[in-house]
Amino acid sequence: MNPKVMLDSNIIIMLGQGIITLSMFYDILEQKVEMITTSSVVEELKKIADLNKNKKIYREINFGLSIINTGKIQIINTTEIDADDSIFHASLELKNKGETVYVATNDKELRSRLRIVGIPTIYYRNSKSILEVEWRES
């Protein structure tokens, strides 16, 4: 079973900006991975896009959403309204089912919450323009 990488909204926006690519996740983890996100993240992105219709971020978010619509990123339906809470709970549920899961986010607070429950994170390091794994499960 391939590991899962749960994408936060900031990472999907970076995909839309062309700063990162899906293949970068395969490269950093040195294996094929299943890309996932939550319905709450998708809704958050749509709200941000609606608030910024005439700005560059609107196009970037829509491009990120179009990547999801190609089927390359699976959407997990969640009941939480807050995107970070949905990622936290969905990734913890996957981990508790025995899945290998990483969360890709640049949100320091979310990364801290995930570290406490033993879920490794992937983040974008601006200074090196690369993705990094904060730590791996042993």
N, C-alpha and C. Protein backbone atom coordinates (compact mmCIF):
# COMPACT_ATOMS: atom_id res chain seq x y z
N MET A 1 0.84 -1.18 0.00
CA MET A 1 0.00 0.00 0.00
C MET A 1 0.89 1.25 0.00
N ASN A 2 0.60 2.17 -0.91
CA ASN A 2 1.38 3.40 -1.01
C ASN A 2 1.07 4.34 0.15
N PRO A 3 2.08 5.08 0.60
CA PRO A 3 1.81 6.09 1.62
C PRO A 3 0.88 7.17 1.06
N LYS A 4 0.19 7.84 1.95
CA LYS A 4 -0.71 8.92 1.56
C LYS A 4 -0.09 10.25 1.96
N VAL A 5 -0.26 11.25 1.10
CA VAL A 5 0.18 12.61 1.43
C VAL A 5 -1.06 13.49 1.40
N MET A 6 -1.42 14.02 2.58
CA MET A 6 -2.57 14.90 2.74
C MET A 6 -2.11 16.33 2.48
N LEU A 7 -2.76 16.99 1.51
CA LEU A 7 -2.36 18.34 1.12
C LEU A 7 -3.22 19.40 1.80
N ASP A 8 -2.56 20.39 2.39
CA ASP A 8 -3.23 21.55 2.97
C ASP A 8 -3.44 22.59 1.87
N SER A 9 -4.30 23.56 2.14
CA SER A 9 -4.63 24.57 1.13
C SER A 9 -3.40 25.36 0.68
N ASN A 10 -2.47 25.67 1.59
CA ASN A 10 -1.31 26.45 1.17
C ASN A 10 -0.43 25.68 0.19
N ILE A 11 -0.37 24.38 0.32
CA ILE A 11 0.40 23.55 -0.61
C ILE A 11 -0.31 23.48 -1.96
N ILE A 12 -1.63 23.37 -1.95
CA ILE A 12 -2.38 23.33 -3.21
C ILE A 12 -2.23 24.67 -3.95
N ILE A 13 -2.21 25.77 -3.21
CA ILE A 13 -1.98 27.07 -3.85
C ILE A 13 -0.58 27.10 -4.47
N MET A 14 0.41 26.54 -3.78
CA MET A 14 1.77 26.49 -4.33
C MET A 14 1.83 25.61 -5.58
N LEU A 15 1.02 24.56 -5.63
CA LEU A 15 0.92 23.76 -6.86
C LEU A 15 0.37 24.64 -7.99
N GLY A 16 -0.66 25.42 -7.67
CA GLY A 16 -1.26 26.31 -8.65
C GLY A 16 -0.32 27.41 -9.11
N GLN A 17 0.61 27.80 -8.25
CA GLN A 17 1.60 28.82 -8.59
C GLN A 17 2.77 28.24 -9.38
N GLY A 18 2.87 26.91 -9.41
CA GLY A 18 3.98 26.27 -10.10
C GLY A 18 5.26 26.22 -9.27
N ILE A 19 5.16 26.56 -7.99
CA ILE A 19 6.33 26.54 -7.11
C ILE A 19 6.74 25.11 -6.81
N ILE A 20 5.74 24.24 -6.63
CA ILE A 20 6.00 22.82 -6.40
C ILE A 20 5.18 22.00 -7.39
N THR A 21 5.56 20.74 -7.55
CA THR A 21 4.84 19.81 -8.42
C THR A 21 4.54 18.53 -7.66
N LEU A 22 3.58 17.78 -8.15
CA LEU A 22 3.26 16.51 -7.50
C LEU A 22 4.46 15.57 -7.52
N SER A 23 5.25 15.61 -8.57
CA SER A 23 6.40 14.71 -8.66
C SER A 23 7.44 14.98 -7.57
N MET A 24 7.46 16.19 -7.03
CA MET A 24 8.40 16.49 -5.95
C MET A 24 8.10 15.65 -4.71
N PHE A 25 6.83 15.28 -4.50
CA PHE A 25 6.48 14.43 -3.37
C PHE A 25 6.99 13.02 -3.58
N TYR A 26 6.88 12.53 -4.83
CA TYR A 26 7.39 11.19 -5.14
C TYR A 26 8.91 11.16 -4.92
N ASP A 27 9.56 12.24 -5.36
CA ASP A 27 11.02 12.31 -5.24
C ASP A 27 11.48 12.33 -3.79
N ILE A 28 10.85 13.16 -2.96
CA ILE A 28 11.30 13.30 -1.57
C ILE A 28 11.04 12.03 -0.76
N LEU A 29 9.95 11.34 -1.06
CA LEU A 29 9.63 10.12 -0.32
C LEU A 29 10.19 8.87 -1.00
N GLU A 30 10.76 9.06 -2.18
CA GLU A 30 11.42 7.99 -2.93
C GLU A 30 10.50 6.81 -3.21
N GLN A 31 9.23 7.12 -3.45
CA GLN A 31 8.26 6.09 -3.81
C GLN A 31 6.99 6.74 -4.32
N LYS A 32 6.14 5.93 -4.91
CA LYS A 32 4.85 6.43 -5.37
C LYS A 32 3.97 6.67 -4.15
N VAL A 33 3.25 7.78 -4.17
CA VAL A 33 2.37 8.12 -3.06
C VAL A 33 0.98 8.42 -3.60
N GLU A 34 0.00 8.31 -2.72
CA GLU A 34 -1.38 8.67 -3.05
C GLU A 34 -1.63 10.06 -2.49
N MET A 35 -2.00 10.99 -3.36
CA MET A 35 -2.24 12.37 -2.95
C MET A 35 -3.71 12.52 -2.54
N ILE A 36 -3.93 13.13 -1.37
CA ILE A 36 -5.29 13.31 -0.87
C ILE A 36 -5.43 14.71 -0.24
N THR A 37 -6.65 15.15 -0.10
CA THR A 37 -6.97 16.35 0.65
C THR A 37 -8.38 16.15 1.21
N THR A 38 -8.88 17.15 1.91
CA THR A 38 -10.22 17.02 2.49
C THR A 38 -11.20 17.96 1.78
N SER A 39 -12.46 17.63 1.90
CA SER A 39 -13.51 18.48 1.32
C SER A 39 -13.48 19.87 1.96
N SER A 40 -13.10 19.95 3.22
CA SER A 40 -13.01 21.24 3.91
C SER A 40 -11.91 22.12 3.30
N VAL A 41 -10.81 21.51 2.89
CA VAL A 41 -9.73 22.26 2.23
C VAL A 41 -10.23 22.79 0.89
N VAL A 42 -10.93 21.96 0.13
CA VAL A 42 -11.46 22.38 -1.17
C VAL A 42 -12.42 23.55 -0.98
N GLU A 43 -13.30 23.46 0.02
CA GLU A 43 -14.24 24.55 0.28
C GLU A 43 -13.51 25.83 0.69
N GLU A 44 -12.47 25.69 1.51
CA GLU A 44 -11.68 26.86 1.91
C GLU A 44 -11.05 27.53 0.69
N LEU A 45 -10.50 26.73 -0.20
CA LEU A 45 -9.88 27.28 -1.41
C LEU A 45 -10.91 28.02 -2.28
N LYS A 46 -12.10 27.43 -2.40
CA LYS A 46 -13.16 28.07 -3.19
C LYS A 46 -13.56 29.42 -2.58
N LYS A 47 -13.63 29.49 -1.25
CA LYS A 47 -13.98 30.74 -0.57
C LYS A 47 -12.91 31.79 -0.79
N ILE A 48 -11.63 31.39 -0.68
CA ILE A 48 -10.53 32.33 -0.90
C ILE A 48 -10.58 32.85 -2.34
N ALA A 49 -10.82 31.95 -3.28
CA ALA A 49 -10.90 32.34 -4.69
C ALA A 49 -12.05 33.33 -4.91
N ASP A 50 -13.22 33.05 -4.32
CA ASP A 50 -14.38 33.94 -4.49
C ASP A 50 -14.11 35.34 -3.95
N LEU A 51 -13.31 35.43 -2.89
CA LEU A 51 -13.00 36.73 -2.30
C LEU A 51 -11.94 37.50 -3.09
N ASN A 52 -11.29 36.83 -4.03
CA ASN A 52 -10.18 37.43 -4.78
C ASN A 52 -10.34 37.27 -6.29
N LYS A 53 -11.56 37.49 -6.78
CA LYS A 53 -11.88 37.22 -8.18
C LYS A 53 -10.98 37.94 -9.19
N ASN A 54 -10.55 39.15 -8.91
CA ASN A 54 -9.78 39.91 -9.89
C ASN A 54 -8.29 39.94 -9.57
N LYS A 55 -7.84 38.99 -8.79
CA LYS A 55 -6.43 38.97 -8.39
C LYS A 55 -5.75 37.71 -8.91
N LYS A 56 -4.42 37.77 -8.93
CA LYS A 56 -3.61 36.65 -9.41
C LYS A 56 -3.90 35.36 -8.62
N ILE A 57 -4.11 35.49 -7.31
CA ILE A 57 -4.35 34.32 -6.46
C ILE A 57 -5.57 33.53 -6.92
N TYR A 58 -6.55 34.21 -7.51
CA TYR A 58 -7.75 33.55 -8.02
C TYR A 58 -7.37 32.52 -9.09
N ARG A 59 -6.54 32.92 -10.03
CA ARG A 59 -6.10 32.00 -11.09
C ARG A 59 -5.26 30.86 -10.53
N GLU A 60 -4.40 31.19 -9.57
CA GLU A 60 -3.54 30.17 -8.97
C GLU A 60 -4.36 29.12 -8.21
N ILE A 61 -5.35 29.58 -7.46
CA ILE A 61 -6.21 28.65 -6.73
C ILE A 61 -7.00 27.79 -7.70
N ASN A 62 -7.55 28.40 -8.73
CA ASN A 62 -8.32 27.63 -9.71
C ASN A 62 -7.46 26.61 -10.43
N PHE A 63 -6.20 26.94 -10.69
CA PHE A 63 -5.30 25.96 -11.29
C PHE A 63 -5.05 24.81 -10.30
N GLY A 64 -4.86 25.15 -9.02
CA GLY A 64 -4.69 24.11 -7.99
C GLY A 64 -5.92 23.22 -7.91
N LEU A 65 -7.11 23.82 -7.96
CA LEU A 65 -8.37 23.05 -7.94
C LEU A 65 -8.50 22.19 -9.19
N SER A 66 -8.00 22.68 -10.32
CA SER A 66 -8.09 21.89 -11.56
C SER A 66 -7.23 20.63 -11.47
N ILE A 67 -6.12 20.71 -10.72
CA ILE A 67 -5.29 19.51 -10.50
C ILE A 67 -6.08 18.48 -9.71
N ILE A 68 -6.84 18.95 -8.71
CA ILE A 68 -7.69 18.05 -7.93
C ILE A 68 -8.74 17.42 -8.83
N ASN A 69 -9.33 18.23 -9.71
CA ASN A 69 -10.39 17.74 -10.59
C ASN A 69 -9.92 16.72 -11.62
N THR A 70 -8.61 16.64 -11.87
CA THR A 70 -8.09 15.64 -12.80
C THR A 70 -8.12 14.24 -12.19
N GLY A 71 -8.35 14.18 -10.87
CA GLY A 71 -8.37 12.89 -10.19
C GLY A 71 -7.02 12.49 -9.63
N LYS A 72 -6.01 13.36 -9.79
CA LYS A 72 -4.68 13.06 -9.25
C LYS A 72 -4.63 13.24 -7.74
N ILE A 73 -5.62 13.96 -7.20
CA ILE A 73 -5.71 14.17 -5.76
C ILE A 73 -7.10 13.75 -5.33
N GLN A 74 -7.17 12.76 -4.44
CA GLN A 74 -8.45 12.25 -3.95
C GLN A 74 -8.97 13.17 -2.85
N ILE A 75 -10.28 13.39 -2.82
CA ILE A 75 -10.90 14.21 -1.79
C ILE A 75 -11.59 13.30 -0.77
N ILE A 76 -11.24 13.49 0.50
CA ILE A 76 -11.89 12.77 1.59
C ILE A 76 -12.97 13.69 2.15
N ASN A 77 -14.20 13.21 2.20
CA ASN A 77 -15.29 14.02 2.76
C ASN A 77 -15.14 14.11 4.27
N THR A 78 -15.21 15.34 4.77
CA THR A 78 -15.09 15.58 6.20
C THR A 78 -16.23 16.47 6.67
N THR A 79 -16.50 16.42 7.95
CA THR A 79 -17.60 17.22 8.50
C THR A 79 -17.11 18.52 9.13
N GLU A 80 -15.81 18.61 9.44
CA GLU A 80 -15.29 19.82 10.06
C GLU A 80 -15.35 20.99 9.08
N ILE A 81 -15.67 22.16 9.60
CA ILE A 81 -15.68 23.37 8.78
C ILE A 81 -14.26 23.89 8.62
N ASP A 82 -13.48 23.85 9.69
CA ASP A 82 -12.10 24.34 9.65
C ASP A 82 -11.21 23.35 8.88
N ALA A 83 -10.50 23.86 7.89
CA ALA A 83 -9.67 22.99 7.04
C ALA A 83 -8.57 22.31 7.84
N ASP A 84 -7.90 23.06 8.73
CA ASP A 84 -6.82 22.46 9.51
C ASP A 84 -7.33 21.34 10.42
N ASP A 85 -8.49 21.56 11.04
CA ASP A 85 -9.08 20.51 11.88
C ASP A 85 -9.42 19.29 11.04
N SER A 86 -9.92 19.51 9.83
CA SER A 86 -10.28 18.37 8.97
C SER A 86 -9.04 17.57 8.59
N ILE A 87 -7.95 18.25 8.31
CA ILE A 87 -6.69 17.57 7.98
C ILE A 87 -6.18 16.80 9.20
N PHE A 88 -6.20 17.44 10.35
CA PHE A 88 -5.72 16.79 11.57
C PHE A 88 -6.51 15.51 11.84
N HIS A 89 -7.83 15.61 11.84
CA HIS A 89 -8.65 14.44 12.17
C HIS A 89 -8.59 13.36 11.09
N ALA A 90 -8.61 13.74 9.82
CA ALA A 90 -8.57 12.75 8.74
C ALA A 90 -7.23 12.02 8.72
N SER A 91 -6.14 12.75 8.91
CA SER A 91 -4.83 12.09 8.90
C SER A 91 -4.65 11.20 10.13
N LEU A 92 -5.16 11.62 11.28
CA LEU A 92 -5.09 10.79 12.48
C LEU A 92 -5.92 9.52 12.30
N GLU A 93 -7.08 9.64 11.69
CA GLU A 93 -7.92 8.47 11.44
C GLU A 93 -7.21 7.48 10.51
N LEU A 94 -6.55 7.99 9.47
CA LEU A 94 -5.80 7.12 8.56
C LEU A 94 -4.65 6.43 9.29
N LYS A 95 -3.94 7.19 10.12
CA LYS A 95 -2.82 6.62 10.88
C LYS A 95 -3.33 5.52 11.81
N ASN A 96 -4.46 5.76 12.47
CA ASN A 96 -5.03 4.77 13.39
C ASN A 96 -5.51 3.52 12.68
N LYS A 97 -5.77 3.62 11.37
CA LYS A 97 -6.16 2.46 10.57
C LYS A 97 -4.93 1.71 10.05
N GLY A 98 -3.74 2.18 10.41
CA GLY A 98 -2.51 1.52 9.99
C GLY A 98 -1.91 2.04 8.70
N GLU A 99 -2.46 3.13 8.17
CA GLU A 99 -1.94 3.72 6.94
C GLU A 99 -0.69 4.54 7.26
N THR A 100 0.22 4.63 6.29
CA THR A 100 1.33 5.57 6.39
C THR A 100 0.85 6.87 5.79
N VAL A 101 0.87 7.93 6.58
CA VAL A 101 0.34 9.22 6.11
C VAL A 101 1.30 10.35 6.49
N TYR A 102 1.46 11.25 5.56
CA TYR A 102 2.21 12.48 5.76
C TYR A 102 1.25 13.63 5.50
N VAL A 103 1.47 14.76 6.15
CA VAL A 103 0.67 15.94 5.86
C VAL A 103 1.60 17.00 5.28
N ALA A 104 1.25 17.49 4.10
CA ALA A 104 2.03 18.55 3.45
C ALA A 104 1.39 19.89 3.78
N THR A 105 2.10 20.69 4.58
CA THR A 105 1.58 21.99 5.01
C THR A 105 2.74 22.89 5.41
N ASN A 106 2.53 24.18 5.24
CA ASN A 106 3.49 25.17 5.74
C ASN A 106 2.98 25.83 7.02
N ASP A 107 1.83 25.37 7.50
CA ASP A 107 1.21 25.93 8.70
C ASP A 107 1.92 25.39 9.94
N LYS A 108 2.65 26.28 10.62
CA LYS A 108 3.47 25.84 11.77
C LYS A 108 2.61 25.28 12.91
N GLU A 109 1.46 25.89 13.16
CA GLU A 109 0.60 25.40 14.24
C GLU A 109 0.08 23.99 13.93
N LEU A 110 -0.35 23.77 12.69
CA LEU A 110 -0.83 22.44 12.30
C LEU A 110 0.31 21.43 12.37
N ARG A 111 1.49 21.81 11.91
CA ARG A 111 2.64 20.90 11.98
C ARG A 111 2.93 20.51 13.43
N SER A 112 2.82 21.46 14.34
CA SER A 112 3.06 21.19 15.75
C SER A 112 2.02 20.21 16.30
N ARG A 113 0.75 20.43 15.96
CA ARG A 113 -0.32 19.53 16.41
C ARG A 113 -0.08 18.10 15.90
N LEU A 114 0.33 18.00 14.65
CA LEU A 114 0.57 16.68 14.03
C LEU A 114 1.77 15.98 14.66
N ARG A 115 2.79 16.74 14.99
CA ARG A 115 3.99 16.17 15.61
C ARG A 115 3.61 15.50 16.93
N ILE A 116 2.72 16.12 17.69
CA ILE A 116 2.30 15.58 18.99
C ILE A 116 1.66 14.20 18.85
N VAL A 117 0.91 13.98 17.76
CA VAL A 117 0.24 12.69 17.57
C VAL A 117 1.03 11.74 16.66
N GLY A 118 2.26 12.12 16.30
CA GLY A 118 3.13 11.22 15.57
C GLY A 118 2.90 11.15 14.07
N ILE A 119 2.42 12.23 13.48
CA ILE A 119 2.22 12.25 12.03
C ILE A 119 3.28 13.15 11.40
N PRO A 120 4.13 12.59 10.54
CA PRO A 120 5.18 13.40 9.92
C PRO A 120 4.61 14.39 8.91
N THR A 121 5.33 15.49 8.74
CA THR A 121 4.88 16.53 7.82
C THR A 121 5.92 16.80 6.74
N ILE A 122 5.42 17.33 5.65
CA ILE A 122 6.26 17.78 4.54
C ILE A 122 5.97 19.26 4.39
N TYR A 123 7.01 20.06 4.25
CA TYR A 123 6.81 21.49 4.09
C TYR A 123 7.78 22.04 3.05
N TYR A 124 7.46 23.23 2.55
CA TYR A 124 8.30 23.87 1.54
C TYR A 124 9.27 24.81 2.24
N ARG A 125 10.55 24.59 1.99
CA ARG A 125 11.59 25.45 2.58
C ARG A 125 11.98 26.49 1.53
N ASN A 126 11.54 27.74 1.77
CA ASN A 126 11.80 28.82 0.83
C ASN A 126 13.28 29.05 0.56
N SER A 127 14.10 28.98 1.62
CA SER A 127 15.51 29.30 1.47
C SER A 127 16.23 28.35 0.50
N LYS A 128 15.72 27.14 0.37
CA LYS A 128 16.33 26.16 -0.53
C LYS A 128 15.45 25.83 -1.73
N SER A 129 14.22 26.35 -1.74
CA SER A 129 13.25 26.08 -2.81
C SER A 129 13.01 24.57 -3.00
N ILE A 130 12.88 23.86 -1.88
CA ILE A 130 12.65 22.42 -1.93
C ILE A 130 11.60 22.01 -0.89
N LEU A 131 11.04 20.83 -1.09
CA LEU A 131 10.19 20.22 -0.06
C LEU A 131 11.10 19.47 0.90
N GLU A 132 10.73 19.48 2.19
CA GLU A 132 11.48 18.72 3.18
C GLU A 132 10.51 17.94 4.05
N VAL A 133 10.93 16.76 4.47
CA VAL A 133 10.16 15.96 5.42
C VAL A 133 10.66 16.35 6.80
N GLU A 134 9.73 16.76 7.67
CA GLU A 134 10.15 17.20 9.00
C GLU A 134 10.77 16.03 9.77
N TRP A 135 10.16 14.88 9.70
CA TRP A 135 10.71 13.65 10.26
C TRP A 135 9.89 12.50 9.72
N ARG A 136 10.46 11.34 9.74
CA ARG A 136 9.77 10.16 9.24
C ARG A 136 9.44 9.23 10.38
N GLU A 137 8.34 8.50 10.20
CA GLU A 137 7.99 7.47 11.19
C GLU A 137 9.04 6.36 11.10
N SER A 138 9.36 5.78 12.25
CA SER A 138 10.32 4.67 12.20
C SER A 138 9.63 3.35 12.08
